[in-house]
Structure formats: C-alpha cells, structure tokens
Amino acid sequence: MIQLLGAILCNAVFGQSYKLAVAREHDVDWVSLLSFASSSLAVLPQLAFGRGDLAWTAVALGGGFGLASGFAQVAFFRTLRYGPLSTSYAIVSLSTLVPALTSIVLWGERPSTWQYVAMGATVLAVLLMGDVELHNLSRPLAWAGWLALAYLSSGLSGVCMKAAGSLPGERSRLLFLLVGYVVSGILTGPLVRGRGPGMPELAVGAVRGLAIVLANLLLLSAIASLPGHVAFSAYGAGIVMVNVMAAVVLWHERPRGWAILGILLGIAAVVLFSL
C-alpha cells in the first residue's frame, strides 16, 4: 500500500500541472509532447544500464499503453475548452474502474462484498459529478463527448498496465513504459504547431514527465503485490481525493451541489477498498 500511496501523490503532481498549464495559458499540446519526451528520457538510462532479461511482449503492451495514453491526454485537454478542470480530471481519474473490472473478468479476481460496494460508489461518484456539469455548461455534449473518449482511453491504458504487472523483472516493465511514452509522443507530435515551446512549457512538461514515470513505476509495483481490482480502484479514488483537496486549498475552487456527494463517495471508496 505504500507504493500505492506514492503513486497517488505523484499522480497528484501530474494532475495539478494540468491546472498550472491551463491557468497560465501555456501551449498544452507542447506541454503534452514535452512530458512524453521527459518521461522517455527518464526511463531510457534505467533500461540501458539495468540488469535482467527483457520480455519482448513488453513492446506490444507498451504500444497499446502508448496509444491509449496518448488519446486520453489529447481528449482530456480538449474537454478543458468546454468544462472545468477539477471535475473533468476527477471523472477521468475514476476510469481506473475499467482495469478493475477487467481484472475480475479476465484475471479471475474475486472482490469482497465491501469492495463491490466501493466500485458501485465509484460509478455513482462519476454520474453525480458529471450530472452537475451537464446542467451548468454552455456546450455540455461537447464536454461529455471528449470526456467519454478520455475516460475510455485512460481506462484501456490501465488494462495494459495490469497486463504489464505480470512482466518478469524491472527491465521489462521499463521497456513497456518507454515504448508507451514514445508512442504517445508520436501521437501527440502532429498537434503542435506555430511557435516552438518556451521555458514555461519546457518546465511544466519536464515536471509532468518525471511525475508520471514515478507514478507508473510505483503503480506497477503495487499491481505486482495487490489484486488489480484493489490497486486500480483505490488508486483512482485516492487521486480524486488528493486533487480535490489541492483544488480547494491551492486554487480556491468550491465543488457544487451533488458534486460534493460524488467527491465524498470517492473518498469513501478508498476506505472501503482497505476492508
């Protein structure tokens, strides 16, 4: 569980960098591309000088992970044209329900009754938070469409992460991540246009890249020792809890109406998954 907590905190840094990039009107496509480049550069030396064998299935899994992660990030930044960051990110964070359910169906895991309740609370949290925004946005269908694509793509990247958790040795997992980051970068590259990146984009991209590498490595370690339905669901709910707290404390945002209940359900899910 220590690895899972570390992954949640690193993902919070990754998530809050979204807020910083948008609030300061950075070029978000450059930020995305630079974050994937930063991630690749962080992983490459560890892979080159590490010990252990390589499982080449990591390349196929990494390719799927990269495509899904790239689409998720591109789609998520488009949602920010139509809706608020904090709610959008909270909902996408709960896409960990997809690999959690896949772990039950494909890997034969058996949650406890309380863990089934926690997954139900996660679903209800997404519906409540989404319903609040659909009634308050000027273009709710555009927001919902991009968010649905980001949610599904992010969930599929989690399924690839679950499969990569069974790869033998750390070097195979590093190869999986490297291929994923390179593919995501290739997917994001054509979106950048106009002027080159400035120092703000370089700095935020570097921080985001390093944060997500640490988050992914810690999550892979947690998956190796915890059932997937526990690791992913607690991970998603924990991300929601930490990022909402950061939004209130750092950005002075205030959740509205039923969204408050959705957030509380997300927090309750973390507790229930520990039972």
C-alpha atoms as a PDB file:
ATOM      1  CA  MET A   1       0.000   0.000   0.000  1.00  0.00           C
ATOM      2  CA  ILE A   2       2.993   2.338   0.462  1.00  0.00           C
ATOM      3  CA  GLN A   3       3.716   2.099  -3.276  1.00  0.00           C
ATOM      4  CA  LEU A   4       0.074   2.900  -3.988  1.00  0.00           C
ATOM      5  CA  LEU A   5       0.180   5.980  -1.771  1.00  0.00           C
ATOM      6  CA  GLY A   6       3.345   7.160  -3.508  1.00  0.00           C
ATOM      7  CA  ALA A   7       1.725   6.626  -6.914  1.00  0.00           C
ATOM      8  CA  ILE A   8      -1.300   8.684  -5.851  1.00  0.00           C
ATOM      9  CA  LEU A   9       0.870  11.577  -4.651  1.00  0.00           C
ATOM     10  CA  CYS A  10       2.979  11.554  -7.832  1.00  0.00           C
ATOM     11  CA  ASN A  11      -0.169  11.497  -9.941  1.00  0.00           C
ATOM     12  CA  ALA A  12      -1.417  14.495  -7.950  1.00  0.00           C
ATOM     13  CA  VAL A  13       1.662  16.434  -9.076  1.00  0.00           C
ATOM     14  CA  PHE A  14       0.925  15.314 -12.637  1.00  0.00           C
ATOM     15  CA  GLY A  15      -2.715  16.409 -12.310  1.00  0.00           C
ATOM     16  CA  GLN A  16      -2.020  19.782 -10.764  1.00  0.00           C
ATOM     17  CA  SER A  17       0.400  20.558 -13.573  1.00  0.00           C
ATOM     18  CA  TYR A  18      -2.641  20.415 -15.884  1.00  0.00           C
ATOM     19  CA  LYS A  19      -4.179  23.174 -13.807  1.00  0.00           C
ATOM     20  CA  LEU A  20      -0.999  25.238 -13.861  1.00  0.00           C
ATOM     21  CA  ALA A  21      -0.595  24.891 -17.647  1.00  0.00           C
ATOM     22  CA  VAL A  22      -4.195  25.934 -18.291  1.00  0.00           C
ATOM     23  CA  ALA A  23      -4.280  28.721 -15.696  1.00  0.00           C
ATOM     24  CA  ARG A  24      -1.142  30.328 -17.140  1.00  0.00           C
ATOM     25  CA  GLU A  25      -2.273  29.753 -20.736  1.00  0.00           C
ATOM     26  CA  HIS A  26       0.670  27.594 -21.742  1.00  0.00           C
ATOM     27  CA  ASP A  27       0.550  25.752 -25.062  1.00  0.00           C
ATOM     28  CA  VAL A  28      -0.933  22.493 -23.761  1.00  0.00           C
ATOM     29  CA  ASP A  29      -0.043  20.472 -26.859  1.00  0.00           C
ATOM     30  CA  TRP A  30       3.630  21.346 -26.391  1.00  0.00           C
ATOM     31  CA  VAL A  31       3.310  20.562 -22.694  1.00  0.00           C
ATOM     32  CA  SER A  32       1.911  17.110 -23.576  1.00  0.00           C
ATOM     33  CA  LEU A  33       4.625  16.358 -26.120  1.00  0.00           C
ATOM     34  CA  LEU A  34       7.395  17.535 -23.791  1.00  0.00           C
ATOM     35  CA  SER A  35       6.018  15.478 -20.911  1.00  0.00           C
ATOM     36  CA  PHE A  36       6.228  12.305 -23.023  1.00  0.00           C
ATOM     37  CA  ALA A  37       9.753  13.258 -24.109  1.00  0.00           C
ATOM     38  CA  SER A  38      10.737  13.869 -20.480  1.00  0.00           C
ATOM     39  CA  SER A  39       9.273  10.516 -19.448  1.00  0.00           C
ATOM     40  CA  SER A  40      11.174   8.709 -22.206  1.00  0.00           C
ATOM     41  CA  LEU A  41      14.468  10.347 -21.252  1.00  0.00           C
ATOM     42  CA  ALA A  42      13.925   9.449 -17.583  1.00  0.00           C
ATOM     43  CA  VAL A  43      13.308   5.766 -18.367  1.00  0.00           C
ATOM     44  CA  LEU A  44      15.966   5.240 -21.053  1.00  0.00           C
ATOM     45  CA  PRO A  45      19.105   5.263 -18.810  1.00  0.00           C
ATOM     46  CA  GLN A  46      17.470   2.891 -16.310  1.00  0.00           C
ATOM     47  CA  LEU A  47      16.631   0.500 -19.129  1.00  0.00           C
ATOM     48  CA  ALA A  48      20.062   0.763 -20.770  1.00  0.00           C
ATOM     49  CA  PHE A  49      22.112   0.156 -17.635  1.00  0.00           C
ATOM     50  CA  GLY A  50      19.740  -2.046 -15.654  1.00  0.00           C
ATOM     51  CA  ARG A  51      20.096  -5.761 -15.144  1.00  0.00           C
ATOM     52  CA  GLY A  52      17.818  -8.615 -16.032  1.00  0.00           C
ATOM     53  CA  ASP A  53      16.202 -10.125 -19.106  1.00  0.00           C
ATOM     54  CA  LEU A  54      13.740  -8.409 -21.414  1.00  0.00           C
ATOM     55  CA  ALA A  55      10.354  -9.881 -22.282  1.00  0.00           C
ATOM     56  CA  TRP A  56       9.532  -8.650 -25.774  1.00  0.00           C
ATOM     57  CA  THR A  57       5.795  -8.857 -25.086  1.00  0.00           C
ATOM     58  CA  ALA A  58       6.504  -5.581 -23.275  1.00  0.00           C
ATOM     59  CA  VAL A  59       6.787  -3.921 -26.695  1.00  0.00           C
ATOM     60  CA  ALA A  60       3.247  -4.913 -27.741  1.00  0.00           C
ATOM     61  CA  LEU A  61       1.788  -3.986 -24.357  1.00  0.00           C
ATOM     62  CA  GLY A  62       3.729  -0.713 -24.379  1.00  0.00           C
ATOM     63  CA  GLY A  63       2.379   0.120 -27.826  1.00  0.00           C
ATOM     64  CA  GLY A  64      -1.193  -0.356 -26.622  1.00  0.00           C
ATOM     65  CA  PHE A  65      -0.461   1.629 -23.482  1.00  0.00           C
ATOM     66  CA  GLY A  66       1.049   4.465 -25.527  1.00  0.00           C
ATOM     67  CA  LEU A  67      -1.867   4.690 -27.954  1.00  0.00           C
ATOM     68  CA  ALA A  68      -4.422   4.693 -25.145  1.00  0.00           C
ATOM     69  CA  SER A  69      -2.485   7.182 -23.005  1.00  0.00           C
ATOM     70  CA  GLY A  70      -1.887   9.496 -25.946  1.00  0.00           C
ATOM     71  CA  PHE A  71      -5.550   9.543 -26.959  1.00  0.00           C
ATOM     72  CA  ALA A  72      -6.560  10.068 -23.329  1.00  0.00           C
ATOM     73  CA  GLN A  73      -4.298  13.078 -22.919  1.00  0.00           C
ATOM     74  CA  VAL A  74      -5.301  14.668 -26.233  1.00  0.00           C
ATOM     75  CA  ALA A  75      -9.003  14.162 -25.493  1.00  0.00           C
ATOM     76  CA  PHE A  76      -8.672  15.406 -21.926  1.00  0.00           C
ATOM     77  CA  PHE A  77      -7.093  18.707 -22.941  1.00  0.00           C
ATOM     78  CA  ARG A  78     -10.000  19.201 -25.384  1.00  0.00           C
ATOM     79  CA  THR A  79     -12.510  18.796 -22.575  1.00  0.00           C
ATOM     80  CA  LEU A  80     -10.985  21.861 -20.923  1.00  0.00           C
ATOM     81  CA  ARG A  81     -12.384  24.040 -23.720  1.00  0.00           C
ATOM     82  CA  TYR A  82     -15.893  23.195 -22.558  1.00  0.00           C
ATOM     83  CA  GLY A  83     -15.763  22.342 -18.840  1.00  0.00           C
ATOM     84  CA  PRO A  84     -13.838  22.790 -15.574  1.00  0.00           C
ATOM     85  CA  LEU A  85     -10.547  21.034 -14.962  1.00  0.00           C
ATOM     86  CA  SER A  86     -11.154  19.774 -11.421  1.00  0.00           C
ATOM     87  CA  THR A  87     -14.378  17.877 -12.187  1.00  0.00           C
ATOM     88  CA  SER A  88     -13.093  16.606 -15.541  1.00  0.00           C
ATOM     89  CA  TYR A  89      -9.883  15.283 -14.006  1.00  0.00           C
ATOM     90  CA  ALA A  90     -11.759  13.696 -11.110  1.00  0.00           C
ATOM     91  CA  ILE A  91     -14.006  11.789 -13.511  1.00  0.00           C
ATOM     92  CA  VAL A  92     -11.131  10.633 -15.738  1.00  0.00           C
ATOM     93  CA  SER A  93      -9.216   9.522 -12.632  1.00  0.00           C
ATOM     94  CA  LEU A  94     -12.079   7.170 -11.839  1.00  0.00           C
ATOM     95  CA  SER A  95     -11.532   5.444 -15.202  1.00  0.00           C
ATOM     96  CA  THR A  96      -9.452   3.023 -13.103  1.00  0.00           C
ATOM     97  CA  LEU A  97     -12.792   1.235 -12.736  1.00  0.00           C
ATOM     98  CA  VAL A  98     -12.190  -0.166 -16.251  1.00  0.00           C
ATOM     99  CA  PRO A  99      -8.997  -2.126 -15.386  1.00  0.00           C
ATOM    100  CA  ALA A 100     -10.517  -3.019 -12.009  1.00  0.00           C
ATOM    101  CA  LEU A 101     -13.477  -4.705 -13.704  1.00  0.00           C
ATOM    102  CA  THR A 102     -11.187  -6.242 -16.328  1.00  0.00           C
ATOM    103  CA  SER A 103      -9.135  -7.791 -13.519  1.00  0.00           C
ATOM    104  CA  ILE A 104     -12.297  -9.511 -12.310  1.00  0.00           C
ATOM    105  CA  VAL A 105     -13.430 -10.702 -15.750  1.00  0.00           C
ATOM    106  CA  LEU A 106     -10.120 -11.650 -17.398  1.00  0.00           C
ATOM    107  CA  TRP A 107      -7.857 -12.435 -14.440  1.00  0.00           C
ATOM    108  CA  GLY A 108     -10.486 -14.122 -12.276  1.00  0.00           C
ATOM    109  CA  GLU A 109     -10.047 -11.905  -9.222  1.00  0.00           C
ATOM    110  CA  ARG A 110     -12.768 -12.030  -6.578  1.00  0.00           C
ATOM    111  CA  PRO A 111     -13.508  -8.808  -4.665  1.00  0.00           C
ATOM    112  CA  SER A 112     -15.083  -8.839  -1.228  1.00  0.00           C
ATOM    113  CA  THR A 113     -18.628  -7.562  -0.714  1.00  0.00           C
ATOM    114  CA  TRP A 114     -17.292  -4.236   0.586  1.00  0.00           C
ATOM    115  CA  GLN A 115     -15.068  -3.861  -2.466  1.00  0.00           C
ATOM    116  CA  TYR A 116     -18.051  -4.389  -4.758  1.00  0.00           C
ATOM    117  CA  VAL A 117     -19.817  -1.659  -2.788  1.00  0.00           C
ATOM    118  CA  ALA A 118     -16.777   0.584  -3.263  1.00  0.00           C
ATOM    119  CA  MET A 119     -16.848   0.046  -7.045  1.00  0.00           C
ATOM    120  CA  GLY A 120     -20.534   0.912  -7.050  1.00  0.00           C
ATOM    121  CA  ALA A 121     -19.743   4.084  -5.103  1.00  0.00           C
ATOM    122  CA  THR A 122     -17.135   4.949  -7.727  1.00  0.00           C
ATOM    123  CA  VAL A 123     -19.684   4.615 -10.551  1.00  0.00           C
ATOM    124  CA  LEU A 124     -22.183   6.765  -8.656  1.00  0.00           C
ATOM    125  CA  ALA A 125     -19.491   9.376  -7.974  1.00  0.00           C
ATOM    126  CA  VAL A 126     -18.809   9.718 -11.731  1.00  0.00           C
ATOM    127  CA  LEU A 127     -22.529  10.035 -12.513  1.00  0.00           C
ATOM    128  CA  LEU A 128     -23.121  12.663  -9.838  1.00  0.00           C
ATOM    129  CA  MET A 129     -20.140  14.819 -10.786  1.00  0.00           C
ATOM    130  CA  GLY A 130     -20.957  14.555 -14.485  1.00  0.00           C
ATOM    131  CA  ASP A 131     -24.623  15.413 -13.983  1.00  0.00           C
ATOM    132  CA  VAL A 132     -23.742  18.638 -12.153  1.00  0.00           C
ATOM    133  CA  GLU A 133     -21.609  19.875 -15.061  1.00  0.00           C
ATOM    134  CA  LEU A 134     -24.072  18.818 -17.771  1.00  0.00           C
ATOM    135  CA  HIS A 135     -26.604  21.209 -16.231  1.00  0.00           C
ATOM    136  CA  ASN A 136     -24.176  24.119 -15.913  1.00  0.00           C
ATOM    137  CA  LEU A 137     -22.142  24.189 -19.134  1.00  0.00           C
ATOM    138  CA  SER A 138     -22.858  26.095 -22.337  1.00  0.00           C
ATOM    139  CA  ARG A 139     -21.818  23.124 -24.540  1.00  0.00           C
ATOM    140  CA  PRO A 140     -22.429  20.043 -22.364  1.00  0.00           C
ATOM    141  CA  LEU A 141     -22.471  17.498 -25.210  1.00  0.00           C
ATOM    142  CA  ALA A 142     -19.043  18.575 -26.479  1.00  0.00           C
ATOM    143  CA  TRP A 143     -17.672  18.296 -22.948  1.00  0.00           C
ATOM    144  CA  ALA A 144     -19.304  14.905 -22.392  1.00  0.00           C
ATOM    145  CA  GLY A 145     -18.084  13.534 -25.742  1.00  0.00           C
ATOM    146  CA  TRP A 146     -14.426  14.449 -25.243  1.00  0.00           C
ATOM    147  CA  LEU A 147     -14.581  13.357 -21.621  1.00  0.00           C
ATOM    148  CA  ALA A 148     -16.044   9.970 -22.551  1.00  0.00           C
ATOM    149  CA  LEU A 149     -13.177   9.433 -25.019  1.00  0.00           C
ATOM    150  CA  ALA A 150     -10.629  10.461 -22.377  1.00  0.00           C
ATOM    151  CA  TYR A 151     -12.294   8.162 -19.800  1.00  0.00           C
ATOM    152  CA  LEU A 152     -12.345   5.119 -22.090  1.00  0.00           C
ATOM    153  CA  SER A 153      -8.805   5.672 -23.383  1.00  0.00           C
ATOM    154  CA  SER A 154      -7.460   6.168 -19.876  1.00  0.00           C
ATOM    155  CA  GLY A 155      -9.235   3.008 -18.744  1.00  0.00           C
ATOM    156  CA  LEU A 156      -7.713   0.998 -21.592  1.00  0.00           C
ATOM    157  CA  SER A 157      -4.246   2.269 -20.665  1.00  0.00           C
ATOM    158  CA  GLY A 158      -4.923   0.880 -17.186  1.00  0.00           C
ATOM    159  CA  VAL A 159      -5.777  -2.526 -18.671  1.00  0.00           C
ATOM    160  CA  CYS A 160      -2.365  -2.510 -20.384  1.00  0.00           C
ATOM    161  CA  MET A 161      -0.784  -1.567 -17.046  1.00  0.00           C
ATOM    162  CA  LYS A 162      -2.494  -4.526 -15.385  1.00  0.00           C
ATOM    163  CA  ALA A 163      -1.147  -6.893 -18.047  1.00  0.00           C
ATOM    164  CA  ALA A 164       2.333  -5.352 -17.697  1.00  0.00           C
ATOM    165  CA  GLY A 165       2.259  -6.044 -13.963  1.00  0.00           C
ATOM    166  CA  SER A 166       2.953  -9.710 -14.754  1.00  0.00           C
ATOM    167  CA  LEU A 167       6.032  -8.961 -16.876  1.00  0.00           C
ATOM    168  CA  PRO A 168       9.166 -10.586 -15.443  1.00  0.00           C
ATOM    169  CA  GLY A 169      11.664  -8.169 -13.960  1.00  0.00           C
ATOM    170  CA  GLU A 170      12.041  -4.431 -13.744  1.00  0.00           C
ATOM    171  CA  ARG A 171      13.732  -4.007 -17.138  1.00  0.00           C
ATOM    172  CA  SER A 172      10.722  -5.463 -18.951  1.00  0.00           C
ATOM    173  CA  ARG A 173       8.462  -3.001 -17.167  1.00  0.00           C
ATOM    174  CA  LEU A 174      10.805  -0.151 -18.061  1.00  0.00           C
ATOM    175  CA  LEU A 175      10.734  -1.262 -21.719  1.00  0.00           C
ATOM    176  CA  PHE A 176       6.926  -1.302 -21.530  1.00  0.00           C
ATOM    177  CA  LEU A 177       6.892   2.287 -20.238  1.00  0.00           C
ATOM    178  CA  LEU A 178       9.498   3.523 -22.722  1.00  0.00           C
ATOM    179  CA  VAL A 179       7.596   2.153 -25.719  1.00  0.00           C
ATOM    180  CA  GLY A 180       4.402   3.638 -24.305  1.00  0.00           C
ATOM    181  CA  TYR A 181       5.856   7.120 -23.857  1.00  0.00           C
ATOM    182  CA  VAL A 182       7.454   7.106 -27.324  1.00  0.00           C
ATOM    183  CA  VAL A 183       4.196   6.034 -28.993  1.00  0.00           C
ATOM    184  CA  SER A 184       2.241   8.685 -27.049  1.00  0.00           C
ATOM    185  CA  GLY A 185       4.766  11.308 -28.131  1.00  0.00           C
ATOM    186  CA  ILE A 186       4.447  10.274 -31.784  1.00  0.00           C
ATOM    187  CA  LEU A 187       0.675  10.501 -31.483  1.00  0.00           C
ATOM    188  CA  THR A 188       0.835  13.957 -29.873  1.00  0.00           C
ATOM    189  CA  GLY A 189       3.569  15.375 -32.134  1.00  0.00           C
ATOM    190  CA  PRO A 190       1.373  16.368 -35.121  1.00  0.00           C
ATOM    191  CA  LEU A 191      -0.817  18.514 -32.857  1.00  0.00           C
ATOM    192  CA  VAL A 192       1.888  21.069 -32.061  1.00  0.00           C
ATOM    193  CA  ARG A 193       2.013  23.990 -34.454  1.00  0.00           C
ATOM    194  CA  GLY A 194       3.149  27.577 -34.634  1.00  0.00           C
ATOM    195  CA  ARG A 195       5.912  28.781 -32.360  1.00  0.00           C
ATOM    196  CA  GLY A 196       8.246  26.460 -30.519  1.00  0.00           C
ATOM    197  CA  PRO A 197       7.956  25.814 -26.788  1.00  0.00           C
ATOM    198  CA  GLY A 198       9.082  28.423 -24.286  1.00  0.00           C
ATOM    199  CA  MET A 199      10.670  27.862 -20.912  1.00  0.00           C
ATOM    200  CA  PRO A 200       7.252  27.560 -19.164  1.00  0.00           C
ATOM    201  CA  GLU A 201       6.233  24.664 -21.437  1.00  0.00           C
ATOM    202  CA  LEU A 202       9.638  23.032 -21.012  1.00  0.00           C
ATOM    203  CA  ALA A 203       9.493  23.297 -17.218  1.00  0.00           C
ATOM    204  CA  VAL A 204       5.920  22.062 -16.815  1.00  0.00           C
ATOM    205  CA  GLY A 205       6.473  19.282 -19.361  1.00  0.00           C
ATOM    206  CA  ALA A 206       9.596  18.089 -17.530  1.00  0.00           C
ATOM    207  CA  VAL A 207       7.837  18.044 -14.148  1.00  0.00           C
ATOM    208  CA  ARG A 208       4.824  16.225 -15.562  1.00  0.00           C
ATOM    209  CA  GLY A 209       7.007  13.667 -17.314  1.00  0.00           C
ATOM    210  CA  LEU A 210       9.024  12.811 -14.220  1.00  0.00           C
ATOM    211  CA  ALA A 211       5.911  12.703 -12.025  1.00  0.00           C
ATOM    212  CA  ILE A 212       4.076  10.233 -14.262  1.00  0.00           C
ATOM    213  CA  VAL A 213       7.143   7.985 -14.585  1.00  0.00           C
ATOM    214  CA  LEU A 214       7.320   7.702 -10.796  1.00  0.00           C
ATOM    215  CA  ALA A 215       3.556   7.213 -10.555  1.00  0.00           C
ATOM    216  CA  ASN A 216       3.566   4.440 -13.176  1.00  0.00           C
ATOM    217  CA  LEU A 217       6.563   2.618 -11.697  1.00  0.00           C
ATOM    218  CA  LEU A 218       5.014   2.694  -8.229  1.00  0.00           C
ATOM    219  CA  LEU A 219       1.643   1.568  -9.605  1.00  0.00           C
ATOM    220  CA  LEU A 220       3.279  -1.346 -11.447  1.00  0.00           C
ATOM    221  CA  SER A 221       4.962  -2.326  -8.187  1.00  0.00           C
ATOM    222  CA  ALA A 222       1.624  -2.138  -6.358  1.00  0.00           C
ATOM    223  CA  ILE A 223      -0.088  -4.253  -9.027  1.00  0.00           C
ATOM    224  CA  ALA A 224       2.552  -6.934  -8.559  1.00  0.00           C
ATOM    225  CA  SER A 225       1.624  -7.278  -4.870  1.00  0.00           C
ATOM    226  CA  LEU A 226      -2.077  -6.349  -4.768  1.00  0.00           C
ATOM    227  CA  PRO A 227      -5.131  -7.607  -6.690  1.00  0.00           C
ATOM    228  CA  GLY A 228      -5.833  -5.395  -9.684  1.00  0.00           C
ATOM    229  CA  HIS A 229      -9.365  -4.501  -8.581  1.00  0.00           C
ATOM    230  CA  VAL A 230      -7.979  -3.183  -5.284  1.00  0.00           C
ATOM    231  CA  ALA A 231      -4.939  -1.366  -6.679  1.00  0.00           C
ATOM    232  CA  PHE A 232      -6.706   0.393  -9.545  1.00  0.00           C
ATOM    233  CA  SER A 233      -9.877   1.329  -7.723  1.00  0.00           C
ATOM    234  CA  ALA A 234      -8.073   2.654  -4.652  1.00  0.00           C
ATOM    235  CA  TYR A 235      -5.628   4.461  -6.945  1.00  0.00           C
ATOM    236  CA  GLY A 236      -8.417   6.244  -8.827  1.00  0.00           C
ATOM    237  CA  ALA A 237     -10.380   7.162  -5.722  1.00  0.00           C
ATOM    238  CA  GLY A 238      -7.216   8.360  -3.993  1.00  0.00           C
ATOM    239  CA  ILE A 239      -6.327  10.580  -6.944  1.00  0.00           C
ATOM    240  CA  VAL A 240      -9.766  12.190  -6.759  1.00  0.00           C
ATOM    241  CA  MET A 241      -9.429  12.824  -3.032  1.00  0.00           C
ATOM    242  CA  VAL A 242      -5.949  14.397  -3.245  1.00  0.00           C
ATOM    243  CA  ASN A 243      -6.673  16.503  -6.331  1.00  0.00           C
ATOM    244  CA  VAL A 244      -9.936  17.844  -4.948  1.00  0.00           C
ATOM    245  CA  MET A 245      -8.148  18.840  -1.751  1.00  0.00           C
ATOM    246  CA  ALA A 246      -5.465  20.553  -3.833  1.00  0.00           C
ATOM    247  CA  ALA A 247      -8.110  22.358  -5.913  1.00  0.00           C
ATOM    248  CA  VAL A 248      -9.739  23.730  -2.749  1.00  0.00           C
ATOM    249  CA  VAL A 249      -6.502  24.666  -0.948  1.00  0.00           C
ATOM    250  CA  LEU A 250      -4.321  25.841  -3.859  1.00  0.00           C
ATOM    251  CA  TRP A 251      -6.840  27.149  -6.373  1.00  0.00           C
ATOM    252  CA  HIS A 252      -9.732  28.085  -4.064  1.00  0.00           C
ATOM    253  CA  GLU A 253     -12.249  26.093  -6.087  1.00  0.00           C
ATOM    254  CA  ARG A 254     -15.521  25.029  -4.486  1.00  0.00           C
ATOM    255  CA  PRO A 255     -17.429  21.918  -5.621  1.00  0.00           C
ATOM    256  CA  ARG A 256     -21.091  22.481  -6.418  1.00  0.00           C
ATOM    257  CA  GLY A 257     -24.248  20.646  -5.410  1.00  0.00           C
ATOM    258  CA  TRP A 258     -24.254  16.908  -5.993  1.00  0.00           C
ATOM    259  CA  ALA A 259     -20.564  17.034  -6.949  1.00  0.00           C
ATOM    260  CA  ILE A 260     -19.795  17.276  -3.217  1.00  0.00           C
ATOM    261  CA  LEU A 261     -21.574  13.949  -2.656  1.00  0.00           C
ATOM    262  CA  GLY A 262     -19.657  12.468  -5.602  1.00  0.00           C
ATOM    263  CA  ILE A 263     -16.361  13.521  -4.047  1.00  0.00           C
ATOM    264  CA  LEU A 264     -17.359  12.077  -0.666  1.00  0.00           C
ATOM    265  CA  LEU A 265     -18.264   8.787  -2.359  1.00  0.00           C
ATOM    266  CA  GLY A 266     -14.825   8.714  -3.975  1.00  0.00           C
ATOM    267  CA  ILE A 267     -13.209   9.194  -0.577  1.00  0.00           C
ATOM    268  CA  ALA A 268     -15.441   6.511   0.951  1.00  0.00           C
ATOM    269  CA  ALA A 269     -14.342   4.119  -1.806  1.00  0.00           C
ATOM    270  CA  VAL A 270     -10.713   4.418  -0.643  1.00  0.00           C
ATOM    271  CA  VAL A 271     -11.758   3.367   2.867  1.00  0.00           C
ATOM    272  CA  LEU A 272     -13.930   0.507   1.626  1.00  0.00           C
ATOM    273  CA  PHE A 273     -11.178  -0.939  -0.545  1.00  0.00           C
ATOM    274  CA  SER A 274      -8.999  -1.310   2.541  1.00  0.00           C
ATOM    275  CA  LEU A 275     -11.569  -3.529   4.294  1.00  0.00           C
END
